[in-house]
Amino acid sequence: MSIAVTHVLTIGITTILIAMLLTSAGGLLDTETDRSAERSLETIGERIAGEVESADQLADEDDSDVTITAAHPRTVANSGYTVALREDCEGPLLDGETDCIQLTASNADAVVYVPFTTERGIDESEVSGGTIEIETDGTEIWLTGGNR
């Protein structure tokens, strides 16, 4: 009888330990996925900010209509994402008076704000990640395209 009880207890304790290990590993994986998505969004956001500033500089008084088409990844950390131009962003390290690009992952807990400067107004627009068009008519800048 004591051998059977010992086996049952050993199997029970082992099962509990394996369940705890799998649960903690799953939490760690979710955290790393969120970090990976955030880093990828930061990189993409910096690229888009540079492209928005380039469109702003290319638009001059003679030819104010400018369109820049840029290919970006469709997903980050196996999650789709959206890109939005925002005026007067309030986010981490932003004072509420700075224009920014807001990138939001759909399946990860990651939102990134990337500030940029422009001499034109911002038409608050939002597109999904992928190929993005940055357009200006000389007075405003907006986003179109994206993989819908």
N, C-alpha and C. Protein backbone atom coordinates (compact mmCIF):
# COMPACT_ATOMS: atom_id res chain seq x y z
N MET A 1 0.82 -1.20 0.00
CA MET A 1 0.00 0.00 0.00
C MET A 1 0.86 1.26 0.00
N SER A 2 1.95 1.30 0.75
CA SER A 2 2.78 2.50 0.81
C SER A 2 3.50 2.75 -0.50
N ILE A 3 3.80 1.72 -1.28
CA ILE A 3 4.44 1.91 -2.58
C ILE A 3 3.46 2.59 -3.53
N ALA A 4 2.22 2.20 -3.54
CA ALA A 4 1.21 2.81 -4.39
C ALA A 4 1.00 4.27 -4.01
N VAL A 5 0.94 4.58 -2.73
CA VAL A 5 0.78 5.96 -2.26
C VAL A 5 1.99 6.80 -2.68
N THR A 6 3.17 6.25 -2.55
CA THR A 6 4.39 6.96 -2.94
C THR A 6 4.36 7.27 -4.43
N HIS A 7 3.96 6.33 -5.26
CA HIS A 7 3.88 6.56 -6.69
C HIS A 7 2.85 7.63 -7.02
N VAL A 8 1.71 7.59 -6.40
CA VAL A 8 0.67 8.58 -6.64
C VAL A 8 1.15 9.97 -6.24
N LEU A 9 1.79 10.06 -5.08
CA LEU A 9 2.31 11.36 -4.64
C LEU A 9 3.41 11.87 -5.58
N THR A 10 4.29 10.99 -6.01
CA THR A 10 5.36 11.38 -6.92
C THR A 10 4.79 11.87 -8.24
N ILE A 11 3.83 11.16 -8.78
CA ILE A 11 3.21 11.58 -10.04
C ILE A 11 2.46 12.90 -9.85
N GLY A 12 1.77 13.06 -8.75
CA GLY A 12 1.04 14.30 -8.47
C GLY A 12 1.98 15.49 -8.35
N ILE A 13 3.05 15.34 -7.61
CA ILE A 13 4.02 16.43 -7.44
C ILE A 13 4.69 16.76 -8.77
N THR A 14 5.06 15.74 -9.53
CA THR A 14 5.68 15.97 -10.84
C THR A 14 4.72 16.69 -11.78
N THR A 15 3.47 16.32 -11.77
CA THR A 15 2.47 16.97 -12.62
C THR A 15 2.32 18.44 -12.24
N ILE A 16 2.27 18.73 -10.96
CA ILE A 16 2.16 20.12 -10.50
C ILE A 16 3.38 20.93 -10.92
N LEU A 17 4.57 20.38 -10.76
CA LEU A 17 5.80 21.09 -11.14
C LEU A 17 5.86 21.35 -12.65
N ILE A 18 5.46 20.38 -13.46
CA ILE A 18 5.47 20.57 -14.91
C ILE A 18 4.43 21.62 -15.31
N ALA A 19 3.27 21.61 -14.69
CA ALA A 19 2.24 22.61 -14.99
C ALA A 19 2.73 24.01 -14.64
N MET A 20 3.39 24.15 -13.50
CA MET A 20 3.92 25.47 -13.10
C MET A 20 5.01 25.92 -14.07
N LEU A 21 5.85 25.01 -14.50
CA LEU A 21 6.91 25.34 -15.45
C LEU A 21 6.33 25.80 -16.78
N LEU A 22 5.33 25.10 -17.29
CA LEU A 22 4.70 25.48 -18.56
C LEU A 22 3.99 26.82 -18.45
N THR A 23 3.33 27.06 -17.34
CA THR A 23 2.64 28.34 -17.14
C THR A 23 3.62 29.50 -17.11
N SER A 24 4.71 29.36 -16.39
CA SER A 24 5.69 30.45 -16.33
C SER A 24 6.39 30.63 -17.66
N ALA A 25 6.63 29.55 -18.40
CA ALA A 25 7.25 29.67 -19.73
C ALA A 25 6.31 30.39 -20.69
N GLY A 26 5.01 30.13 -20.59
CA GLY A 26 4.04 30.82 -21.44
C GLY A 26 4.02 32.32 -21.16
N GLY A 27 4.08 32.70 -19.89
CA GLY A 27 4.12 34.12 -19.53
C GLY A 27 5.38 34.79 -20.05
N LEU A 28 6.50 34.09 -19.96
CA LEU A 28 7.76 34.61 -20.46
C LEU A 28 7.70 34.80 -21.97
N LEU A 29 7.12 33.85 -22.66
CA LEU A 29 6.99 33.94 -24.11
C LEU A 29 6.13 35.13 -24.51
N ASP A 30 5.02 35.37 -23.81
CA ASP A 30 4.17 36.53 -24.10
C ASP A 30 4.92 37.83 -23.89
N THR A 31 5.69 37.92 -22.82
CA THR A 31 6.47 39.12 -22.54
C THR A 31 7.50 39.37 -23.64
N GLU A 32 8.19 38.33 -24.05
CA GLU A 32 9.20 38.47 -25.10
C GLU A 32 8.55 38.83 -26.44
N THR A 33 7.38 38.30 -26.72
CA THR A 33 6.66 38.65 -27.94
C THR A 33 6.30 40.12 -27.94
N ASP A 34 5.82 40.63 -26.81
CA ASP A 34 5.48 42.06 -26.71
C ASP A 34 6.72 42.93 -26.90
N ARG A 35 7.83 42.54 -26.30
CA ARG A 35 9.07 43.31 -26.45
C ARG A 35 9.55 43.30 -27.90
N SER A 36 9.47 42.15 -28.52
CA SER A 36 9.89 42.04 -29.92
C SER A 36 9.01 42.92 -30.81
N ALA A 37 7.71 42.90 -30.58
CA ALA A 37 6.79 43.73 -31.36
C ALA A 37 7.10 45.21 -31.14
N GLU A 38 7.35 45.59 -29.91
CA GLU A 38 7.64 46.99 -29.61
C GLU A 38 8.92 47.46 -30.30
N ARG A 39 9.94 46.65 -30.26
CA ARG A 39 11.21 47.02 -30.93
C ARG A 39 11.03 47.13 -32.44
N SER A 40 10.30 46.19 -33.01
CA SER A 40 10.06 46.24 -34.45
C SER A 40 9.24 47.47 -34.83
N LEU A 41 8.23 47.79 -34.03
CA LEU A 41 7.42 48.98 -34.30
C LEU A 41 8.24 50.25 -34.18
N GLU A 42 9.16 50.30 -33.23
CA GLU A 42 10.04 51.47 -33.10
C GLU A 42 10.88 51.65 -34.36
N THR A 43 11.44 50.57 -34.87
CA THR A 43 12.26 50.64 -36.08
C THR A 43 11.43 51.10 -37.27
N ILE A 44 10.27 50.50 -37.45
CA ILE A 44 9.40 50.88 -38.57
C ILE A 44 8.95 52.33 -38.41
N GLY A 45 8.60 52.73 -37.19
CA GLY A 45 8.17 54.10 -36.94
C GLY A 45 9.25 55.12 -37.27
N GLU A 46 10.49 54.82 -36.94
CA GLU A 46 11.60 55.73 -37.26
C GLU A 46 11.75 55.87 -38.78
N ARG A 47 11.60 54.76 -39.49
CA ARG A 47 11.69 54.81 -40.95
C ARG A 47 10.56 55.66 -41.53
N ILE A 48 9.34 55.45 -41.04
CA ILE A 48 8.20 56.21 -41.56
C ILE A 48 8.34 57.69 -41.21
N ALA A 49 8.83 58.00 -40.02
CA ALA A 49 9.03 59.40 -39.64
C ALA A 49 10.01 60.07 -40.60
N GLY A 50 11.07 59.37 -40.95
CA GLY A 50 12.02 59.91 -41.92
C GLY A 50 11.38 60.12 -43.29
N GLU A 51 10.53 59.20 -43.68
CA GLU A 51 9.84 59.32 -44.97
C GLU A 51 8.84 60.48 -44.97
N VAL A 52 8.15 60.68 -43.84
CA VAL A 52 7.22 61.81 -43.73
C VAL A 52 8.00 63.13 -43.82
N GLU A 53 9.12 63.21 -43.11
CA GLU A 53 9.93 64.43 -43.17
C GLU A 53 10.51 64.65 -44.57
N SER A 54 10.85 63.58 -45.27
CA SER A 54 11.34 63.70 -46.66
C SER A 54 10.24 64.24 -47.57
N ALA A 55 9.02 63.73 -47.42
CA ALA A 55 7.90 64.23 -48.22
C ALA A 55 7.68 65.71 -47.95
N ASP A 56 7.80 66.10 -46.70
CA ASP A 56 7.64 67.50 -46.32
C ASP A 56 8.70 68.37 -46.99
N GLN A 57 9.93 67.90 -47.03
CA GLN A 57 11.01 68.67 -47.63
C GLN A 57 10.93 68.69 -49.16
N LEU A 58 10.44 67.60 -49.76
CA LEU A 58 10.34 67.54 -51.22
C LEU A 58 9.24 68.44 -51.77
N ALA A 59 8.20 68.67 -50.99
CA ALA A 59 7.09 69.52 -51.45
C ALA A 59 7.55 70.98 -51.40
N ASP A 60 7.67 71.58 -52.58
CA ASP A 60 8.05 72.99 -52.63
C ASP A 60 6.95 73.78 -53.31
N GLU A 61 7.20 75.04 -53.49
CA GLU A 61 6.15 75.91 -54.04
C GLU A 61 5.84 75.60 -55.50
N ASP A 62 6.81 75.10 -56.27
CA ASP A 62 6.58 74.81 -57.67
C ASP A 62 5.80 73.51 -57.87
N ASP A 63 6.14 72.48 -57.10
CA ASP A 63 5.46 71.18 -57.21
C ASP A 63 5.15 70.70 -55.81
N SER A 64 3.98 71.08 -55.31
CA SER A 64 3.65 70.77 -53.92
C SER A 64 3.03 69.39 -53.73
N ASP A 65 2.65 68.71 -54.82
CA ASP A 65 2.08 67.37 -54.71
C ASP A 65 3.21 66.34 -54.72
N VAL A 66 3.35 65.64 -53.60
CA VAL A 66 4.40 64.64 -53.47
C VAL A 66 3.79 63.37 -52.92
N THR A 67 4.18 62.23 -53.49
CA THR A 67 3.77 60.93 -52.97
C THR A 67 5.01 60.06 -52.83
N ILE A 68 5.22 59.52 -51.66
CA ILE A 68 6.31 58.59 -51.41
C ILE A 68 5.68 57.24 -51.07
N THR A 69 6.07 56.22 -51.81
CA THR A 69 5.59 54.87 -51.55
C THR A 69 6.72 54.10 -50.89
N ALA A 70 6.43 53.53 -49.73
CA ALA A 70 7.45 52.82 -48.97
C ALA A 70 6.93 51.45 -48.55
N ALA A 71 7.75 50.45 -48.76
CA ALA A 71 7.38 49.09 -48.37
C ALA A 71 7.91 48.81 -46.96
N HIS A 72 7.03 48.39 -46.10
CA HIS A 72 7.36 48.01 -44.73
C HIS A 72 6.81 46.61 -44.48
N PRO A 73 7.29 45.94 -43.44
CA PRO A 73 6.75 44.61 -43.15
C PRO A 73 5.25 44.66 -42.88
N ARG A 74 4.54 43.60 -43.25
CA ARG A 74 3.10 43.52 -42.99
C ARG A 74 2.81 43.17 -41.54
N THR A 75 3.72 42.44 -40.92
CA THR A 75 3.50 42.01 -39.54
C THR A 75 4.75 42.25 -38.70
N VAL A 76 4.55 42.34 -37.40
CA VAL A 76 5.65 42.36 -36.43
C VAL A 76 5.33 41.34 -35.35
N ALA A 77 6.29 40.50 -35.05
CA ALA A 77 6.09 39.46 -34.03
C ALA A 77 4.80 38.67 -34.28
N ASN A 78 4.58 38.33 -35.55
CA ASN A 78 3.42 37.55 -35.96
C ASN A 78 2.09 38.26 -35.66
N SER A 79 2.11 39.58 -35.72
CA SER A 79 0.92 40.38 -35.43
C SER A 79 0.82 41.50 -36.46
N GLY A 80 -0.39 41.73 -36.96
CA GLY A 80 -0.60 42.88 -37.82
C GLY A 80 -0.48 44.16 -37.00
N TYR A 81 -0.36 45.29 -37.67
CA TYR A 81 -0.25 46.55 -36.95
C TYR A 81 -0.83 47.68 -37.78
N THR A 82 -1.14 48.79 -37.12
CA THR A 82 -1.63 49.98 -37.80
C THR A 82 -0.66 51.12 -37.59
N VAL A 83 -0.65 52.02 -38.56
CA VAL A 83 0.19 53.21 -38.52
C VAL A 83 -0.74 54.41 -38.63
N ALA A 84 -0.61 55.36 -37.72
CA ALA A 84 -1.49 56.53 -37.73
C ALA A 84 -0.69 57.80 -37.53
N LEU A 85 -1.01 58.82 -38.30
CA LEU A 85 -0.45 60.15 -38.07
C LEU A 85 -1.32 60.85 -37.04
N ARG A 86 -0.71 61.43 -36.03
CA ARG A 86 -1.44 62.10 -34.97
C ARG A 86 -0.86 63.49 -34.72
N GLU A 87 -1.75 64.44 -34.47
CA GLU A 87 -1.33 65.78 -34.06
C GLU A 87 -1.32 65.84 -32.54
N ASP A 88 -0.42 66.58 -32.01
CA ASP A 88 -0.36 66.86 -30.58
C ASP A 88 -0.47 65.58 -29.74
N CYS A 89 0.49 64.71 -29.93
CA CYS A 89 0.47 63.40 -29.26
C CYS A 89 0.74 63.52 -27.77
N GLU A 90 0.03 62.73 -27.03
CA GLU A 90 0.29 62.57 -25.62
C GLU A 90 0.64 61.11 -25.40
N GLY A 91 1.85 60.87 -25.09
CA GLY A 91 2.32 59.51 -24.86
C GLY A 91 3.59 59.57 -24.03
N PRO A 92 4.23 58.44 -23.88
CA PRO A 92 5.48 58.44 -23.12
C PRO A 92 6.49 59.42 -23.73
N LEU A 93 7.00 60.31 -22.90
CA LEU A 93 8.01 61.30 -23.27
C LEU A 93 7.53 62.33 -24.29
N LEU A 94 6.22 62.44 -24.52
CA LEU A 94 5.69 63.45 -25.43
C LEU A 94 4.87 64.45 -24.62
N ASP A 95 4.99 65.71 -25.00
CA ASP A 95 4.40 66.79 -24.20
C ASP A 95 2.97 67.16 -24.60
N GLY A 96 2.41 66.52 -25.60
CA GLY A 96 1.06 66.86 -26.03
C GLY A 96 1.03 67.94 -27.08
N GLU A 97 2.18 68.41 -27.52
CA GLU A 97 2.24 69.45 -28.55
C GLU A 97 3.09 69.02 -29.74
N THR A 98 3.46 67.76 -29.79
CA THR A 98 4.33 67.24 -30.84
C THR A 98 3.54 66.31 -31.74
N ASP A 99 3.75 66.46 -33.06
CA ASP A 99 3.14 65.53 -34.01
C ASP A 99 3.89 64.21 -33.92
N CYS A 100 3.16 63.12 -34.14
CA CYS A 100 3.83 61.82 -34.04
C CYS A 100 3.17 60.79 -34.93
N ILE A 101 3.86 59.68 -35.05
CA ILE A 101 3.33 58.49 -35.70
C ILE A 101 3.03 57.50 -34.59
N GLN A 102 1.82 56.99 -34.57
CA GLN A 102 1.42 56.00 -33.57
C GLN A 102 1.32 54.65 -34.26
N LEU A 103 2.08 53.68 -33.77
CA LEU A 103 2.06 52.32 -34.31
C LEU A 103 1.49 51.41 -33.23
N THR A 104 0.49 50.60 -33.61
CA THR A 104 -0.19 49.73 -32.65
C THR A 104 -0.26 48.32 -33.20
N ALA A 105 0.29 47.38 -32.44
CA ALA A 105 0.21 45.96 -32.83
C ALA A 105 -1.15 45.42 -32.45
N SER A 106 -1.72 44.59 -33.30
CA SER A 106 -3.08 44.10 -33.04
C SER A 106 -3.12 42.89 -32.11
N ASN A 107 -2.12 42.03 -32.15
CA ASN A 107 -2.14 40.83 -31.31
C ASN A 107 -1.09 40.84 -30.22
N ALA A 108 -0.45 41.96 -30.01
CA ALA A 108 0.54 42.08 -28.94
C ALA A 108 0.24 43.36 -28.17
N ASP A 109 0.70 43.42 -26.96
CA ASP A 109 0.47 44.59 -26.12
C ASP A 109 1.59 45.59 -26.38
N ALA A 110 1.55 46.24 -27.55
CA ALA A 110 2.61 47.17 -27.93
C ALA A 110 2.03 48.35 -28.69
N VAL A 111 2.28 49.55 -28.17
CA VAL A 111 1.94 50.80 -28.82
C VAL A 111 3.17 51.68 -28.75
N VAL A 112 3.57 52.25 -29.90
CA VAL A 112 4.79 53.05 -29.98
C VAL A 112 4.44 54.41 -30.58
N TYR A 113 5.02 55.46 -30.02
CA TYR A 113 4.86 56.82 -30.54
C TYR A 113 6.22 57.32 -31.01
N VAL A 114 6.28 57.78 -32.26
CA VAL A 114 7.53 58.30 -32.82
C VAL A 114 7.29 59.74 -33.26
N PRO A 115 7.95 60.70 -32.62
CA PRO A 115 7.74 62.11 -32.99
C PRO A 115 8.43 62.45 -34.30
N PHE A 116 7.90 63.47 -34.98
CA PHE A 116 8.53 63.98 -36.19
C PHE A 116 8.16 65.46 -36.32
N THR A 117 8.87 66.15 -37.18
CA THR A 117 8.57 67.57 -37.40
C THR A 117 8.25 67.79 -38.88
N THR A 118 7.33 68.67 -39.11
CA THR A 118 6.92 69.02 -40.47
C THR A 118 6.45 70.47 -40.49
N GLU A 119 6.54 71.07 -41.64
CA GLU A 119 6.05 72.44 -41.78
C GLU A 119 4.61 72.46 -42.28
N ARG A 120 4.07 71.33 -42.61
CA ARG A 120 2.71 71.23 -43.11
C ARG A 120 1.79 70.69 -42.02
N GLY A 121 0.50 70.85 -42.23
CA GLY A 121 -0.47 70.30 -41.30
C GLY A 121 -0.57 68.80 -41.43
N ILE A 122 -1.17 68.18 -40.44
CA ILE A 122 -1.33 66.73 -40.41
C ILE A 122 -2.80 66.40 -40.62
N ASP A 123 -3.07 65.57 -41.61
CA ASP A 123 -4.41 65.01 -41.77
C ASP A 123 -4.36 63.67 -41.04
N GLU A 124 -4.99 63.61 -39.88
CA GLU A 124 -4.90 62.40 -39.07
C GLU A 124 -5.50 61.23 -39.85
N SER A 125 -4.62 60.34 -40.26
CA SER A 125 -5.03 59.20 -41.07
C SER A 125 -4.42 57.94 -40.48
N GLU A 126 -5.03 56.81 -40.80
CA GLU A 126 -4.57 55.53 -40.26
C GLU A 126 -4.62 54.48 -41.36
N VAL A 127 -3.54 53.69 -41.45
CA VAL A 127 -3.46 52.61 -42.43
C VAL A 127 -2.89 51.38 -41.75
N SER A 128 -3.10 50.24 -42.36
CA SER A 128 -2.50 49.02 -41.83
C SER A 128 -1.07 48.90 -42.35
N GLY A 129 -0.27 48.09 -41.66
CA GLY A 129 1.13 47.94 -42.02
C GLY A 129 1.31 47.30 -43.38
N GLY A 130 2.46 47.51 -43.97
CA GLY A 130 2.79 46.99 -45.29
C GLY A 130 3.24 48.14 -46.17
N THR A 131 2.82 48.15 -47.41
CA THR A 131 3.17 49.24 -48.32
C THR A 131 2.32 50.46 -47.98
N ILE A 132 3.00 51.56 -47.69
CA ILE A 132 2.33 52.78 -47.24
C ILE A 132 2.69 53.92 -48.18
N GLU A 133 1.72 54.74 -48.49
CA GLU A 133 1.96 55.94 -49.29
C GLU A 133 1.84 57.16 -48.40
N ILE A 134 2.84 58.01 -48.46
CA ILE A 134 2.85 59.27 -47.73
C ILE A 134 2.62 60.35 -48.76
N GLU A 135 1.54 61.10 -48.60
CA GLU A 135 1.16 62.08 -49.61
C GLU A 135 1.06 63.47 -48.99
N THR A 136 1.37 64.47 -49.81
CA THR A 136 1.17 65.85 -49.41
C THR A 136 0.70 66.65 -50.61
N ASP A 137 -0.14 67.64 -50.34
CA ASP A 137 -0.59 68.55 -51.39
C ASP A 137 -0.03 69.95 -51.17
N GLY A 138 0.95 70.05 -50.32
CA GLY A 138 1.56 71.34 -50.02
C GLY A 138 1.05 71.95 -48.74
N THR A 139 -0.16 71.59 -48.31
CA THR A 139 -0.70 72.14 -47.07
C THR A 139 -0.80 71.09 -45.97
N GLU A 140 -1.08 69.82 -46.35
CA GLU A 140 -1.22 68.76 -45.36
C GLU A 140 -0.48 67.51 -45.82
N ILE A 141 -0.16 66.67 -44.83
CA ILE A 141 0.45 65.37 -45.10
C ILE A 141 -0.49 64.31 -44.55
N TRP A 142 -0.66 63.20 -45.30
CA TRP A 142 -1.51 62.12 -44.84
C TRP A 142 -0.96 60.78 -45.35
N LEU A 143 -1.50 59.72 -44.81
CA LEU A 143 -1.12 58.37 -45.20
C LEU A 143 -2.25 57.72 -45.99
N THR A 144 -1.89 56.94 -47.00
CA THR A 144 -2.84 56.11 -47.72
C THR A 144 -2.19 54.76 -47.97
N GLY A 145 -2.96 53.86 -48.52
CA GLY A 145 -2.40 52.55 -48.86
C GLY A 145 -2.52 51.60 -47.69
N GLY A 146 -1.47 50.86 -47.49
CA GLY A 146 -1.51 49.84 -46.47
C GLY A 146 -2.21 48.61 -47.00
N ASN A 147 -1.97 47.51 -46.38
CA ASN A 147 -2.58 46.25 -46.82
C ASN A 147 -3.86 46.05 -46.05
N ARG A 148 -4.97 46.18 -46.68
CA ARG A 148 -6.25 46.08 -46.00
C ARG A 148 -6.82 44.70 -46.14
